[in-house]
């Protein structure tokens, strides 16, 4: 059995201060999955050419500095992820020259570094990491829609 160590309770980095207080985790999908969306994609004004938004995809922003239960309904795009990195690491916005150049936001509304970090809260899951590390079932297509 593997020990339960994860980003929230590990203290093996940064002089034993851990990861939680200085990490942002972005969980996003790269495909809308074919599900119905009541909002049509936004069409960008020209001269954007073939750079257009498609159907919305979910994204979860995990951080000690994101308020509990925070929901942001603004339109973002994948370039916003690059803008976040540019903002946080002092890189000139738009300097990566495509998606980040066209993005209009950088996720700074998802966190507030002026507030104390929230304590990590573990959430129970029906299966632990060991299940997935030792799972010997035959791989299946995740999009089989059966």
C-alpha atoms as a PDB file:
ATOM      1  CA  UNK A   1       0.000   0.000   0.000  1.00  0.00           C
ATOM      2  CA  UNK A   2       1.346   3.407  -0.959  1.00  0.00           C
ATOM      3  CA  UNK A   3       1.421   6.213   1.626  1.00  0.00           C
ATOM      4  CA  UNK A   4      -1.182   8.940   1.206  1.00  0.00           C
ATOM      5  CA  UNK A   5       0.934  11.896   0.152  1.00  0.00           C
ATOM      6  CA  UNK A   6      -0.414  14.462  -2.228  1.00  0.00           C
ATOM      7  CA  UNK A   7      -0.064  18.095  -3.114  1.00  0.00           C
ATOM      8  CA  UNK A   8      -2.108  19.155  -0.126  1.00  0.00           C
ATOM      9  CA  UNK A   9      -0.169  17.458   2.621  1.00  0.00           C
ATOM     10  CA  UNK A  10       3.338  16.941   1.244  1.00  0.00           C
ATOM     11  CA  UNK A  11       5.993  19.068   2.919  1.00  0.00           C
ATOM     12  CA  UNK A  12       9.008  17.806   1.006  1.00  0.00           C
ATOM     13  CA  UNK A  13       9.664  20.958  -1.026  1.00  0.00           C
ATOM     14  CA  UNK A  14      10.510  24.592  -0.367  1.00  0.00           C
ATOM     15  CA  UNK A  15      12.392  23.978   2.882  1.00  0.00           C
ATOM     16  CA  UNK A  16       9.637  21.716   4.186  1.00  0.00           C
ATOM     17  CA  UNK A  17       6.848  24.252   3.669  1.00  0.00           C
ATOM     18  CA  UNK A  18       5.080  22.105   1.081  1.00  0.00           C
ATOM     19  CA  UNK A  19       3.318  22.678  -2.203  1.00  0.00           C
ATOM     20  CA  UNK A  20      -0.200  23.776  -1.258  1.00  0.00           C
ATOM     21  CA  UNK A  21       0.457  27.452  -0.505  1.00  0.00           C
ATOM     22  CA  UNK A  22       2.303  28.178  -3.754  1.00  0.00           C
ATOM     23  CA  UNK A  23       0.643  25.966  -6.358  1.00  0.00           C
ATOM     24  CA  UNK A  24      -2.213  26.462  -8.798  1.00  0.00           C
ATOM     25  CA  UNK A  25      -3.701  23.435 -10.517  1.00  0.00           C
ATOM     26  CA  UNK A  26      -5.748  23.954 -13.666  1.00  0.00           C
ATOM     27  CA  UNK A  27      -7.952  21.056 -14.705  1.00  0.00           C
ATOM     28  CA  UNK A  28      -9.478  21.537 -18.120  1.00  0.00           C
ATOM     29  CA  UNK A  29     -10.915  19.570 -20.984  1.00  0.00           C
ATOM     30  CA  UNK A  30      -9.730  19.906 -24.564  1.00  0.00           C
ATOM     31  CA  UNK A  31     -13.021  18.838 -26.106  1.00  0.00           C
ATOM     32  CA  UNK A  32     -16.611  19.760 -25.464  1.00  0.00           C
ATOM     33  CA  UNK A  33     -17.653  16.102 -25.734  1.00  0.00           C
ATOM     34  CA  UNK A  34     -20.705  16.621 -27.941  1.00  0.00           C
ATOM     35  CA  UNK A  35     -22.997  17.596 -25.076  1.00  0.00           C
ATOM     36  CA  UNK A  36     -25.665  20.225 -25.635  1.00  0.00           C
ATOM     37  CA  UNK A  37     -24.705  23.758 -24.659  1.00  0.00           C
ATOM     38  CA  UNK A  38     -27.433  26.373 -24.463  1.00  0.00           C
ATOM     39  CA  UNK A  39     -24.893  29.109 -25.322  1.00  0.00           C
ATOM     40  CA  UNK A  40     -23.607  29.356 -28.857  1.00  0.00           C
ATOM     41  CA  UNK A  41     -19.857  29.866 -29.355  1.00  0.00           C
ATOM     42  CA  UNK A  42     -18.649  33.458 -29.392  1.00  0.00           C
ATOM     43  CA  UNK A  43     -17.551  34.710 -32.788  1.00  0.00           C
ATOM     44  CA  UNK A  44     -14.589  37.042 -32.659  1.00  0.00           C
ATOM     45  CA  UNK A  45     -14.488  40.151 -34.814  1.00  0.00           C
ATOM     46  CA  UNK A  46     -12.107  40.104 -37.736  1.00  0.00           C
ATOM     47  CA  UNK A  47      -9.138  40.149 -38.337  1.00  0.00           C
ATOM     48  CA  UNK A  48      -8.894  37.064 -36.101  1.00  0.00           C
ATOM     49  CA  UNK A  49      -9.016  34.836 -39.175  1.00  0.00           C
ATOM     50  CA  UNK A  50      -9.427  31.192 -38.266  1.00  0.00           C
ATOM     51  CA  UNK A  51      -8.841  31.802 -34.536  1.00  0.00           C
ATOM     52  CA  UNK A  52     -12.356  31.434 -33.169  1.00  0.00           C
ATOM     53  CA  UNK A  53     -13.914  30.047 -30.024  1.00  0.00           C
ATOM     54  CA  UNK A  54     -15.714  26.736 -30.096  1.00  0.00           C
ATOM     55  CA  UNK A  55     -18.157  25.239 -27.647  1.00  0.00           C
ATOM     56  CA  UNK A  56     -17.430  25.853 -23.977  1.00  0.00           C
ATOM     57  CA  UNK A  57     -15.435  23.308 -21.985  1.00  0.00           C
ATOM     58  CA  UNK A  58     -15.219  23.039 -18.201  1.00  0.00           C
ATOM     59  CA  UNK A  59     -12.235  24.185 -16.177  1.00  0.00           C
ATOM     60  CA  UNK A  60     -11.463  23.828 -12.472  1.00  0.00           C
ATOM     61  CA  UNK A  61      -8.945  26.170 -10.836  1.00  0.00           C
ATOM     62  CA  UNK A  62      -7.506  24.709  -7.617  1.00  0.00           C
ATOM     63  CA  UNK A  63      -5.530  27.012  -5.348  1.00  0.00           C
ATOM     64  CA  UNK A  64      -5.102  27.883  -1.675  1.00  0.00           C
ATOM     65  CA  UNK A  65      -5.893  31.464  -2.700  1.00  0.00           C
ATOM     66  CA  UNK A  66      -9.112  30.775  -4.587  1.00  0.00           C
ATOM     67  CA  UNK A  67     -12.158  31.525  -2.438  1.00  0.00           C
ATOM     68  CA  UNK A  68     -14.120  28.428  -1.448  1.00  0.00           C
ATOM     69  CA  UNK A  69     -16.945  27.772  -3.906  1.00  0.00           C
ATOM     70  CA  UNK A  70     -15.803  30.505  -6.308  1.00  0.00           C
ATOM     71  CA  UNK A  71     -17.466  30.417  -9.727  1.00  0.00           C
ATOM     72  CA  UNK A  72     -16.364  32.625 -12.596  1.00  0.00           C
ATOM     73  CA  UNK A  73     -18.728  32.745 -15.568  1.00  0.00           C
ATOM     74  CA  UNK A  74     -16.583  34.974 -17.785  1.00  0.00           C
ATOM     75  CA  UNK A  75     -15.454  33.638 -21.146  1.00  0.00           C
ATOM     76  CA  UNK A  76     -11.857  32.473 -21.030  1.00  0.00           C
ATOM     77  CA  UNK A  77      -9.789  30.586 -23.544  1.00  0.00           C
ATOM     78  CA  UNK A  78      -6.742  28.334 -23.505  1.00  0.00           C
ATOM     79  CA  UNK A  79      -4.562  31.383 -24.074  1.00  0.00           C
ATOM     80  CA  UNK A  80      -5.701  32.580 -20.632  1.00  0.00           C
ATOM     81  CA  UNK A  81      -3.629  29.757 -19.138  1.00  0.00           C
ATOM     82  CA  UNK A  82      -0.554  31.151 -20.872  1.00  0.00           C
ATOM     83  CA  UNK A  83      -1.489  34.652 -19.705  1.00  0.00           C
ATOM     84  CA  UNK A  84      -1.605  33.360 -16.110  1.00  0.00           C
ATOM     85  CA  UNK A  85       1.946  32.067 -16.448  1.00  0.00           C
ATOM     86  CA  UNK A  86       3.105  35.270 -18.093  1.00  0.00           C
ATOM     87  CA  UNK A  87       1.499  37.342 -15.324  1.00  0.00           C
ATOM     88  CA  UNK A  88       2.947  35.259 -12.492  1.00  0.00           C
ATOM     89  CA  UNK A  89       6.464  34.888 -13.885  1.00  0.00           C
ATOM     90  CA  UNK A  90       6.968  38.387 -15.280  1.00  0.00           C
ATOM     91  CA  UNK A  91       6.846  37.413 -18.956  1.00  0.00           C
ATOM     92  CA  UNK A  92       5.541  40.073 -21.346  1.00  0.00           C
ATOM     93  CA  UNK A  93       1.863  39.357 -22.065  1.00  0.00           C
ATOM     94  CA  UNK A  94       1.323  38.119 -25.591  1.00  0.00           C
ATOM     95  CA  UNK A  95       4.997  37.354 -26.132  1.00  0.00           C
ATOM     96  CA  UNK A  96       4.337  33.692 -26.896  1.00  0.00           C
ATOM     97  CA  UNK A  97       2.603  34.982 -30.060  1.00  0.00           C
ATOM     98  CA  UNK A  98      -0.606  33.114 -30.645  1.00  0.00           C
ATOM     99  CA  UNK A  99      -3.243  32.079 -28.148  1.00  0.00           C
ATOM    100  CA  UNK A 100      -1.821  34.232 -25.344  1.00  0.00           C
ATOM    101  CA  UNK A 101      -1.645  37.200 -27.714  1.00  0.00           C
ATOM    102  CA  UNK A 102      -5.375  36.928 -28.419  1.00  0.00           C
ATOM    103  CA  UNK A 103      -6.499  36.071 -24.867  1.00  0.00           C
ATOM    104  CA  UNK A 104      -8.265  38.877 -23.063  1.00  0.00           C
ATOM    105  CA  UNK A 105      -7.753  37.707 -19.471  1.00  0.00           C
ATOM    106  CA  UNK A 106      -5.256  35.847 -17.289  1.00  0.00           C
ATOM    107  CA  UNK A 107      -7.275  34.192 -14.485  1.00  0.00           C
ATOM    108  CA  UNK A 108      -6.168  36.726 -11.854  1.00  0.00           C
ATOM    109  CA  UNK A 109      -9.783  36.851 -10.646  1.00  0.00           C
ATOM    110  CA  UNK A 110      -9.441  33.202  -9.598  1.00  0.00           C
ATOM    111  CA  UNK A 111      -7.081  33.979  -6.724  1.00  0.00           C
ATOM    112  CA  UNK A 112      -6.297  36.724  -4.214  1.00  0.00           C
ATOM    113  CA  UNK A 113      -2.716  36.732  -2.941  1.00  0.00           C
ATOM    114  CA  UNK A 114      -3.512  39.481  -0.413  1.00  0.00           C
ATOM    115  CA  UNK A 115      -5.515  36.994   1.679  1.00  0.00           C
ATOM    116  CA  UNK A 116      -4.150  34.175   3.822  1.00  0.00           C
ATOM    117  CA  UNK A 117      -4.129  30.818   2.023  1.00  0.00           C
ATOM    118  CA  UNK A 118      -6.977  28.453   2.792  1.00  0.00           C
ATOM    119  CA  UNK A 119      -5.989  25.278   4.595  1.00  0.00           C
ATOM    120  CA  UNK A 120      -5.902  22.171   2.448  1.00  0.00           C
ATOM    121  CA  UNK A 121      -8.998  20.018   2.825  1.00  0.00           C
ATOM    122  CA  UNK A 122      -8.819  16.384   1.843  1.00  0.00           C
ATOM    123  CA  UNK A 123     -11.869  15.011   0.022  1.00  0.00           C
ATOM    124  CA  UNK A 124     -12.644  11.314   0.341  1.00  0.00           C
ATOM    125  CA  UNK A 125     -12.773   9.371  -2.927  1.00  0.00           C
ATOM    126  CA  UNK A 126     -14.298   5.946  -3.556  1.00  0.00           C
ATOM    127  CA  UNK A 127     -10.955   4.619  -4.858  1.00  0.00           C
ATOM    128  CA  UNK A 128      -7.443   5.501  -3.735  1.00  0.00           C
ATOM    129  CA  UNK A 129      -4.310   6.048  -5.834  1.00  0.00           C
ATOM    130  CA  UNK A 130      -3.242   2.441  -5.327  1.00  0.00           C
ATOM    131  CA  UNK A 131      -6.330   1.242  -7.219  1.00  0.00           C
ATOM    132  CA  UNK A 132      -5.325   3.205 -10.319  1.00  0.00           C
ATOM    133  CA  UNK A 133      -1.654   2.279 -10.066  1.00  0.00           C
ATOM    134  CA  UNK A 134      -2.412  -1.446  -9.923  1.00  0.00           C
ATOM    135  CA  UNK A 135      -5.548  -1.601 -12.128  1.00  0.00           C
ATOM    136  CA  UNK A 136      -5.043  -4.440 -14.622  1.00  0.00           C
ATOM    137  CA  UNK A 137      -8.321  -4.076 -16.532  1.00  0.00           C
ATOM    138  CA  UNK A 138      -8.059  -3.778 -20.306  1.00  0.00           C
ATOM    139  CA  UNK A 139      -7.981  -0.146 -21.433  1.00  0.00           C
ATOM    140  CA  UNK A 140     -11.126   1.118 -23.143  1.00  0.00           C
ATOM    141  CA  UNK A 141     -11.888   4.199 -25.204  1.00  0.00           C
ATOM    142  CA  UNK A 142     -12.991   6.930 -22.791  1.00  0.00           C
ATOM    143  CA  UNK A 143     -15.377   8.331 -25.415  1.00  0.00           C
ATOM    144  CA  UNK A 144     -17.293   5.170 -26.251  1.00  0.00           C
ATOM    145  CA  UNK A 145     -20.601   6.766 -25.055  1.00  0.00           C
ATOM    146  CA  UNK A 146     -22.085   3.419 -24.067  1.00  0.00           C
END
